[in-house]
Protein backbone atom coordinates (compact mmCIF):
# COMPACT_ATOMS: atom_id res chain seq x y z
CA MET A 1 0.00 0.00 0.00
CA SER A 2 2.33 2.74 -1.27
CA ALA A 3 -0.36 5.43 -1.53
CA PRO A 4 -2.34 6.43 1.57
CA PRO A 5 -5.44 4.26 2.00
CA THR A 6 -8.80 5.67 1.09
CA VAL A 7 -11.65 6.04 3.53
CA ARG A 8 -13.46 3.30 1.64
CA GLU A 9 -10.50 0.92 2.10
CA ILE A 10 -10.29 1.65 5.83
CA ARG A 11 -14.03 1.08 6.25
CA ALA A 12 -13.77 -2.15 4.30
CA ALA A 13 -10.94 -3.31 6.56
CA LEU A 14 -13.07 -2.53 9.59
CA GLU A 15 -15.99 -4.54 8.22
CA ALA A 16 -13.64 -7.41 7.33
CA ASP A 17 -12.33 -7.54 10.91
CA ALA A 18 -8.84 -6.79 9.59
CA PHE A 19 -7.77 -4.69 12.58
CA ILE A 20 -5.93 -6.49 15.40
CA PHE A 21 -3.97 -5.56 18.49
CA TYR A 22 -0.27 -5.83 19.07
CA TYR A 23 0.81 -5.52 22.71
CA GLN A 24 3.83 -3.65 23.99
CA PRO A 25 4.86 -4.81 27.49
CA LYS A 26 5.08 -2.38 30.36
CA VAL A 27 7.81 -3.19 32.87
CA SER A 28 7.90 -2.27 36.56
CA PHE A 29 11.08 -0.50 37.59
CA LEU A 30 10.53 -1.89 41.11
CA THR A 31 10.39 -5.58 40.19
CA GLY A 32 11.73 -5.74 36.63
CA ARG A 33 8.65 -7.77 35.67
CA ILE A 34 5.92 -7.18 33.11
CA THR A 35 2.94 -5.47 34.73
CA GLY A 36 0.72 -5.24 31.65
CA GLY A 37 0.66 -4.23 28.03
CA GLU A 38 -0.54 -1.40 25.84
CA ALA A 39 -2.91 -2.49 23.07
CA LEU A 40 -1.75 -0.90 19.80
CA ILE A 41 -3.92 -1.26 16.72
CA ARG A 42 -2.57 -2.78 13.48
CA TRP A 43 -4.14 -3.46 10.08
CA ARG A 44 -3.53 -6.97 8.78
CA THR A 45 -4.03 -7.24 5.02
CA PRO A 46 -5.33 -10.42 3.32
CA GLU A 47 -1.71 -11.07 2.26
CA GLY A 48 -0.64 -11.01 5.92
CA ARG A 49 1.14 -7.65 5.72
CA ILE A 50 0.93 -5.52 8.88
CA ILE A 51 0.15 -1.83 8.38
CA PRO A 52 1.03 0.51 11.29
CA PRO A 53 -1.55 2.95 12.70
CA ALA A 54 0.32 6.02 11.45
CA VAL A 55 -0.89 5.11 7.96
CA PHE A 56 -4.62 5.13 8.69
CA ILE A 57 -5.57 6.47 12.13
CA GLN A 58 -5.24 10.16 11.25
CA ILE A 59 -7.37 9.62 8.15
CA ALA A 60 -10.04 7.95 10.29
CA GLU A 61 -9.95 10.85 12.74
CA ASP A 62 -10.14 13.47 9.98
CA GLU A 63 -13.07 11.69 8.34
CA GLY A 64 -14.93 11.38 11.64
CA PHE A 65 -15.20 7.63 12.06
CA ILE A 66 -12.42 6.94 14.55
CA SER A 67 -15.07 6.21 17.20
CA GLU A 68 -16.48 3.42 15.03
CA ILE A 69 -13.05 1.80 15.05
CA THR A 70 -12.70 2.25 18.82
CA GLN A 71 -16.08 0.68 19.57
CA ARG A 72 -15.44 -2.22 17.21
CA MET A 73 -12.02 -2.83 18.79
CA PHE A 74 -13.13 -2.71 22.43
CA PRO A 75 -14.78 -6.16 22.29
CA ARG A 76 -11.57 -7.52 20.75
CA LEU A 77 -9.65 -6.03 23.66
CA LEU A 78 -11.96 -7.84 26.08
CA ALA A 79 -11.51 -11.11 24.18
CA ASP A 80 -7.73 -10.68 24.25
CA TYR A 81 -7.83 -9.88 27.95
CA GLN A 82 -9.64 -13.14 28.68
CA ILE A 83 -6.73 -14.99 27.08
CA ILE A 84 -4.11 -12.84 28.82
CA SER A 85 -5.74 -13.18 32.24
CA ALA A 86 -5.71 -16.98 31.93
CA LEU A 87 -1.91 -16.96 32.17
CA PRO A 88 -0.54 -18.42 35.44
CA ALA A 89 0.71 -15.01 36.57
CA GLY A 90 -2.52 -13.27 35.52
CA GLY A 91 -0.97 -11.22 32.71
CA GLY A 92 -1.46 -7.82 34.34
CA HIS A 93 -3.46 -4.91 32.98
CA VAL A 94 -4.27 -3.82 29.44
CA ALA A 95 -4.09 -0.20 28.29
CA PHE A 96 -6.49 1.01 25.60
CA ASN A 97 -6.09 4.27 23.66
CA VAL A 98 -9.10 6.55 23.29
CA SER A 99 -9.39 9.72 21.23
CA ALA A 100 -11.12 13.03 21.82
CA ALA A 101 -14.01 11.89 19.61
CA ASP A 102 -14.44 8.69 21.64
CA LEU A 103 -15.04 10.70 24.79
CA GLN A 104 -17.50 13.13 23.23
CA HIS A 105 -20.23 10.48 23.22
CA GLU A 106 -21.57 8.29 25.99
CA SER A 107 -21.65 5.10 23.94
CA LEU A 108 -18.08 3.99 24.75
CA VAL A 109 -18.63 4.70 28.45
CA ILE A 110 -21.77 2.54 28.37
CA ASP A 111 -19.84 -0.26 26.66
CA ILE A 112 -17.12 -0.11 29.32
CA GLU A 113 -19.62 -0.04 32.17
CA SER A 114 -21.39 -3.03 30.65
CA ALA A 115 -18.09 -4.93 30.48
CA LEU A 116 -17.44 -4.14 34.14
CA ASP A 117 -20.95 -5.18 35.13
CA ARG A 118 -20.61 -8.60 33.55
CA ASN A 119 -17.06 -9.04 34.89
CA ALA A 120 -15.55 -9.18 31.42
CA ILE A 121 -12.62 -7.24 32.86
CA PRO A 122 -11.88 -6.01 36.40
CA PRO A 123 -11.70 -2.20 36.60
CA ASP A 124 -8.16 -2.26 37.97
CA LYS A 125 -7.01 -4.20 34.90
CA LEU A 126 -8.27 -1.59 32.39
CA ARG A 127 -6.34 1.61 31.77
CA LEU A 128 -7.54 4.20 29.30
CA GLU A 129 -4.87 6.36 27.69
CA VAL A 130 -5.97 9.78 26.51
CA THR A 131 -3.93 12.25 24.49
CA GLU A 132 -3.52 15.83 25.61
CA ALA A 133 -5.69 16.96 22.69
CA ALA A 134 -8.53 14.82 24.01
CA ALA A 135 -8.11 16.25 27.51
CA LEU A 136 -8.27 19.79 26.15
CA SER A 137 -11.52 18.96 24.34
CA THR A 138 -13.35 18.37 27.57
CA SER A 139 -16.98 19.29 28.01
CA PRO A 140 -19.12 19.01 31.17
CA SER A 141 -20.67 15.79 29.88
CA MET A 142 -17.27 14.33 28.98
CA ARG A 143 -15.95 15.05 32.48
CA GLU A 144 -19.06 13.44 33.96
CA TRP A 145 -18.58 10.28 31.88
CA VAL A 146 -14.89 10.03 32.73
CA GLU A 147 -15.62 10.52 36.44
CA ARG A 148 -18.23 7.76 36.24
CA LEU A 149 -15.56 5.33 35.09
CA VAL A 150 -13.02 6.56 37.63
CA LYS A 151 -15.54 5.90 40.40
CA ARG A 152 -15.82 2.35 39.08
CA GLY A 153 -12.05 1.95 39.50
CA VAL A 154 -10.87 2.52 35.91
CA GLU A 155 -7.64 4.53 35.67
CA PHE A 156 -6.95 7.22 33.08
CA ALA A 157 -3.48 8.12 31.83
CA MET A 158 -2.47 11.22 29.91
CA ASP A 159 -0.46 10.07 26.91
CA ASP A 160 2.43 12.03 25.38
CA PHE A 161 2.52 14.45 28.29
CA GLY A 162 4.51 17.59 27.54
CA THR A 163 4.04 17.68 23.77
CA GLY A 164 1.37 20.38 23.62
CA TYR A 165 0.97 23.97 24.67
CA SER A 166 -1.39 23.40 27.58
CA SER A 167 -0.28 20.22 29.31
CA LEU A 168 -0.67 21.68 32.80
CA ASP A 169 -4.21 22.81 32.05
CA ALA A 170 -4.97 19.43 30.50
CA ILE A 171 -4.14 17.48 33.66
CA ARG A 172 -6.45 19.83 35.54
CA GLN A 173 -9.35 18.99 33.25
CA LEU A 174 -9.68 15.26 33.95
CA PRO A 175 -8.91 12.97 36.93
CA PHE A 176 -5.75 11.38 35.54
CA ALA A 177 -3.95 8.80 37.68
CA THR A 178 -0.89 8.55 35.42
CA LEU A 179 1.29 10.78 33.26
CA LYS A 180 3.04 9.12 30.34
CA VAL A 181 6.19 11.08 29.61
CA ASP A 182 6.55 11.88 25.90
CA GLN A 183 8.71 9.33 24.11
CA GLY A 184 10.44 12.04 22.08
CA MET A 185 11.97 13.54 25.22
CA VAL A 186 12.79 10.11 26.62
CA ARG A 187 14.70 9.11 23.47
CA GLU A 188 16.83 12.27 23.67
CA MET A 189 17.87 11.80 27.30
CA GLN A 190 21.31 10.46 26.34
CA THR A 191 22.09 13.25 23.90
CA SER A 192 20.35 16.26 25.42
CA GLU A 193 20.82 17.42 28.99
CA ARG A 194 17.79 19.65 28.63
CA ALA A 195 15.64 16.71 27.53
CA ALA A 196 16.85 14.68 30.52
CA MET A 197 16.04 17.56 32.86
CA LEU A 198 12.57 17.91 31.36
CA VAL A 199 11.89 14.21 31.80
CA HIS A 200 12.94 14.35 35.45
CA ALA A 201 10.84 17.51 35.94
CA ASN A 202 7.78 15.76 34.52
CA VAL A 203 8.36 12.76 36.79
CA SER A 204 8.65 15.09 39.78
CA LEU A 205 5.47 16.91 38.74
CA ALA A 206 3.58 13.62 38.67
CA GLN A 207 4.89 12.79 42.15
CA VAL A 208 3.87 16.17 43.57
CA LEU A 209 0.37 15.70 42.14
CA GLY A 210 0.08 12.22 43.61
CA MET A 211 0.14 10.59 40.18
CA GLU A 212 2.20 7.77 38.71
CA ALA A 213 4.78 8.47 36.01
CA VAL A 214 5.28 6.06 33.11
CA ALA A 215 7.97 6.49 30.47
CA GLU A 216 7.68 5.29 26.88
CA GLY A 217 10.21 5.25 24.09
CA ILE A 218 12.98 3.54 26.11
CA GLU A 219 15.46 2.34 23.49
CA THR A 220 18.72 1.87 25.42
CA GLU A 221 19.82 0.40 28.73
CA PRO A 222 21.34 3.68 30.02
CA ILE A 223 18.00 5.44 29.51
CA TYR A 224 16.21 2.54 31.20
CA ARG A 225 18.48 2.76 34.24
CA ALA A 226 18.22 6.56 34.44
CA LEU A 227 14.43 6.30 34.49
CA MET A 228 14.57 3.41 36.97
CA HIS A 229 16.30 5.78 39.42
CA SER A 230 14.11 8.79 38.60
CA GLY A 231 10.94 7.74 40.40
CA CYS A 232 9.09 6.37 37.35
CA ARG A 233 7.03 3.29 38.24
CA GLU A 234 6.80 1.68 34.78
CA GLY A 235 8.41 1.93 31.37
CA GLN A 236 7.99 0.62 27.87
CA GLY A 237 10.09 0.76 24.75
CA TYR A 238 12.05 -1.18 22.16
CA TRP A 239 14.90 -1.93 24.58
CA MET A 240 12.54 -4.17 26.51
CA SER A 241 10.29 -5.24 23.64
CA ARG A 242 8.69 -4.03 20.46
CA PRO A 243 4.88 -4.31 20.20
CA LEU A 244 4.10 -8.01 19.72
CA PRO A 245 1.26 -10.07 18.24
CA LEU A 246 -0.90 -11.52 21.00
CA GLU A 247 0.68 -14.99 20.72
CA ASP A 248 4.21 -13.60 21.09
CA TYR A 249 3.15 -11.31 23.93
CA LEU A 250 1.67 -14.27 25.78
CA ALA A 251 4.90 -16.23 25.27
CA LEU A 252 6.98 -13.34 26.62
CA VAL A 253 4.81 -13.00 29.73
CA LYS A 254 4.87 -16.76 30.31
CA SER A 255 8.66 -16.82 30.00
CA GLY A 256 8.96 -14.82 33.22
CA ARG A 257 11.68 -12.67 31.72
CA THR A 258 12.89 -9.83 33.92
CA TRP A 259 14.80 -6.59 33.45
CA PRO A 260 16.90 -4.53 35.92
CA ALA A 261 14.96 -3.36 38.98
CA SER A 262 15.57 -1.04 41.92
CA HIS A 263 13.68 0.59 44.79
CA ALA A 264 15.97 3.63 44.59
CA GLY A 265 13.59 5.49 42.29
CA LEU A 266 10.66 4.81 44.60
CA LEU A 267 12.71 6.15 47.50
CA ARG A 268 13.20 9.40 45.59
CA SER A 269 9.46 9.54 44.97
CA VAL A 270 8.75 8.96 48.67
CA LEU A 271 11.29 11.65 49.59
CA MET A 272 9.65 14.13 47.23
CA SER A 273 6.17 13.38 48.60
CA HIS A 274 7.46 13.67 52.17
CA VAL A 275 9.00 17.11 51.57
CA VAL A 276 5.89 18.34 49.72
CA GLU A 277 3.62 17.18 52.55
CA LEU A 278 5.83 18.87 55.14
CA ARG A 279 5.67 22.07 53.11
CA ARG A 280 1.87 21.84 52.87
CA VAL A 281 1.55 21.54 56.62
CA MET A 282 3.84 24.52 57.24
CA ASP A 283 2.00 26.63 54.66
CA TRP A 284 -1.34 25.65 56.14
CA VAL A 285 -0.27 26.61 59.65
CA TYR A 286 1.06 29.94 58.41
CA SER A 287 -2.07 30.82 56.44
CA ALA A 288 -4.38 29.71 59.26
CA ARG A 289 -2.58 32.00 61.70
CA THR A 290 -2.18 35.02 59.39
CA MET A 291 -5.43 34.90 57.39
CA GLY A 292 -7.68 33.63 60.13
CA PRO A 293 -9.84 30.52 60.26
CA ALA A 294 -12.10 29.70 57.35
CA PRO A 295 -15.77 30.60 57.86
CA SER A 296 -18.19 28.20 58.95
CA THR A 297 -18.82 24.53 59.22
CA PRO A 298 -16.81 21.84 60.95
CA ASP A 299 -16.52 20.17 57.55
CA THR A 300 -14.72 23.21 56.17
CA VAL A 301 -12.03 22.98 58.85
CA GLN A 302 -11.56 19.29 58.08
CA GLN A 303 -11.22 19.95 54.35
CA LEU A 304 -8.63 22.68 54.90
CA THR A 305 -6.38 20.56 57.08
CA PRO A 306 -3.32 19.38 55.16
CA LEU A 307 -4.08 15.69 55.45
CA GLY A 308 -7.80 15.98 54.72
CA GLU A 309 -9.58 12.95 56.12
CA ARG A 310 -6.37 10.95 56.46
CA ARG A 311 -5.08 10.36 59.96
CA ARG A 312 -1.58 9.25 58.93
CA ILE A 313 1.09 10.92 56.82
CA ALA A 314 1.70 9.83 53.23
CA PHE A 315 5.13 8.46 54.17
CA SER A 316 3.41 5.85 56.36
CA ALA A 317 1.52 4.43 53.38
CA TRP A 318 4.86 3.58 51.75
CA TYR A 319 6.60 2.50 54.97
CA GLU A 320 3.78 0.14 55.94
CA GLY A 321 3.16 -1.01 52.35
CA ALA A 322 5.67 -1.26 49.50
CA GLY A 323 8.53 -0.29 51.78
CA GLN A 324 8.20 -3.55 53.71
CA ALA A 325 10.22 -5.15 50.90
CA LEU A 326 13.22 -3.40 52.50
CA ARG A 327 12.69 -4.76 56.00
CA GLY A 328 15.90 -5.77 57.71
CA GLN A 329 17.99 -2.95 56.29
CA PRO A 330 19.25 -0.75 59.16
CA ALA A 331 18.29 2.54 57.52
CA PHE A 332 14.76 1.27 56.94
CA GLU A 333 14.34 -0.09 60.46
CA SER A 334 15.53 3.21 61.94
CA MET A 335 12.53 4.97 60.34
CA ARG A 336 9.95 3.24 62.56
CA VAL A 337 10.18 5.56 65.58
CA PRO A 338 10.34 8.91 63.69
CA ASN A 339 7.45 7.74 61.51
CA GLU A 340 5.23 7.18 64.56
CA ILE A 341 6.32 10.44 66.20
CA LEU A 342 5.57 12.36 63.01
CA ASN A 343 2.11 10.84 62.81
CA GLU A 344 1.40 11.88 66.40
CA THR A 345 2.70 15.39 65.67
CA TYR A 346 0.64 15.75 62.49
CA ALA A 347 -2.46 14.66 64.41
CA ALA A 348 -1.76 17.21 67.12
CA ILE A 349 -1.37 19.98 64.54
CA GLN A 350 -4.63 18.95 62.87
CA ALA A 351 -6.38 19.13 66.23
CA GLU A 352 -5.36 22.78 66.48
CA ALA A 353 -7.53 23.56 63.45
CA ALA A 354 -10.56 23.81 65.73
CA ARG A 355 -8.81 26.14 68.19
CA ASP A 356 -7.49 29.67 68.05
CA THR A 357 -3.98 28.51 68.92
CA SER A 358 -1.27 31.12 69.41
CA PRO A 359 2.09 30.90 67.60
CA GLU A 360 3.76 30.33 70.97
CA GLU A 361 1.61 27.24 71.58
CA LEU A 362 2.29 25.93 68.08
CA ALA A 363 6.06 26.46 68.25
CA PRO A 364 6.94 23.20 70.08
CA LEU A 365 4.83 21.15 67.66
CA LEU A 366 6.39 22.79 64.61
CA LYS A 367 9.91 22.29 65.95
CA LYS A 368 9.15 18.66 66.64
CA LEU A 369 7.64 18.30 63.16
CA SER A 370 10.71 19.80 61.48
CA HIS A 371 13.16 17.75 63.54
CA TYR A 372 11.67 14.35 62.82
CA ALA A 373 10.89 15.21 59.20
CA VAL A 374 14.60 15.92 58.71
CA VAL A 375 15.47 12.66 60.50
CA LEU A 376 13.34 10.74 57.99
CA ILE A 377 14.89 12.61 55.07
CA GLY A 378 18.34 11.59 56.30
CA ASP A 379 17.25 7.95 56.65
CA LEU A 380 15.77 7.94 53.14
CA LEU A 381 18.95 9.41 51.64
CA ARG A 382 21.09 6.90 53.52
CA LEU A 383 18.94 4.00 52.36
CA GLU A 384 19.06 5.26 48.76
CA SER A 385 22.86 5.53 48.90
CA GLU A 386 23.16 2.00 50.25
CA MET A 387 20.93 0.64 47.49
CA LEU A 388 22.83 2.45 44.74
CA LEU A 389 26.16 1.18 46.10
CA ASP A 390 24.79 -2.37 46.14
CA GLU A 391 23.64 -1.97 42.52
CA MET A 392 27.06 -0.72 41.47
CA ARG A 393 28.73 -3.68 43.12
CA ASP A 394 26.33 -6.13 41.48
CA SER A 395 26.83 -4.62 38.01
CA GLY A 396 30.56 -4.01 38.29
CA PRO A 397 33.14 -5.37 35.82
CA ASP A 398 33.89 -8.36 38.07
CA ARG A 399 30.35 -9.70 37.79
């Protein structure tokens, strides 16, 4: 197919069920294992030739029938997932790309809700990837439909983050759980210091917003390792695997193949979140004392407290959860006492929200808060250094 396909040819391919999915594995930087795969559409001709989406997707979008393709492909995704989920390890999640047009109508949302209702796919196994252009095309009804799915447990990811003019506004528009760092910037990390800095800045932004960061376009081991230590949770790219036909993807998952893994990046993410939360508490205390209490209801006071309805600091969620994989390491074990003291101190500061506490009364709590927050920062940095040294020893020339 040397010339671009016509609309009639694309429609005919759709009717002939000629579109299939290839799957590109996503790899956890924490475990080095496949966590799921992104479903990428391909056109298989009667001769068996595979045509990439760049040849026909834009034409379908321009001609206004991209949503027909999406709705016809969603049942295929569900059928593929049933095969993937039957693997001994479960196969992980599947990510499905949706366009701006797909989210302008309720029909796709209804199809997804129906699939969830009949248990065709668990909500935590379905991730919908939306481009920035789609996010900027939001309408009140589109936000309502997306929020309906989020309440059901479906996660949304912003794809190609950082490629447009309004990325920051776009992540405000919809309840994204994940930012996918643009593959163009990722590919240039080895040759452009500015690109590397932008990638790290985007990862940090995701962390500050309480979102996950995923990198795509990883084509070399050095880039993989740099992202592994950046705080990204997952990555995908040719260095790990090209997009594969379903049969080959299943074989790769079944093989149990692993890639390098490290908790060092997660430690950096935890450190960032810890510092941001500390800053939020300090800012809240300052504004409450200088601008006066917010008017009104007890609920208002609760909403304005830095931890909201939570009774424990964000650090505790990691320490008592994923961090338990590091039990036994001295730096990790030394965090137990300051973690508990910080939780008690945060709770005491929250309790002051209902009182007209003077700065003199707050001073001991704030000093205690700062002291133990710094203790935890030191422990995190020490643990990170120990992990990086261990990695260097394991990957040294004598290995």
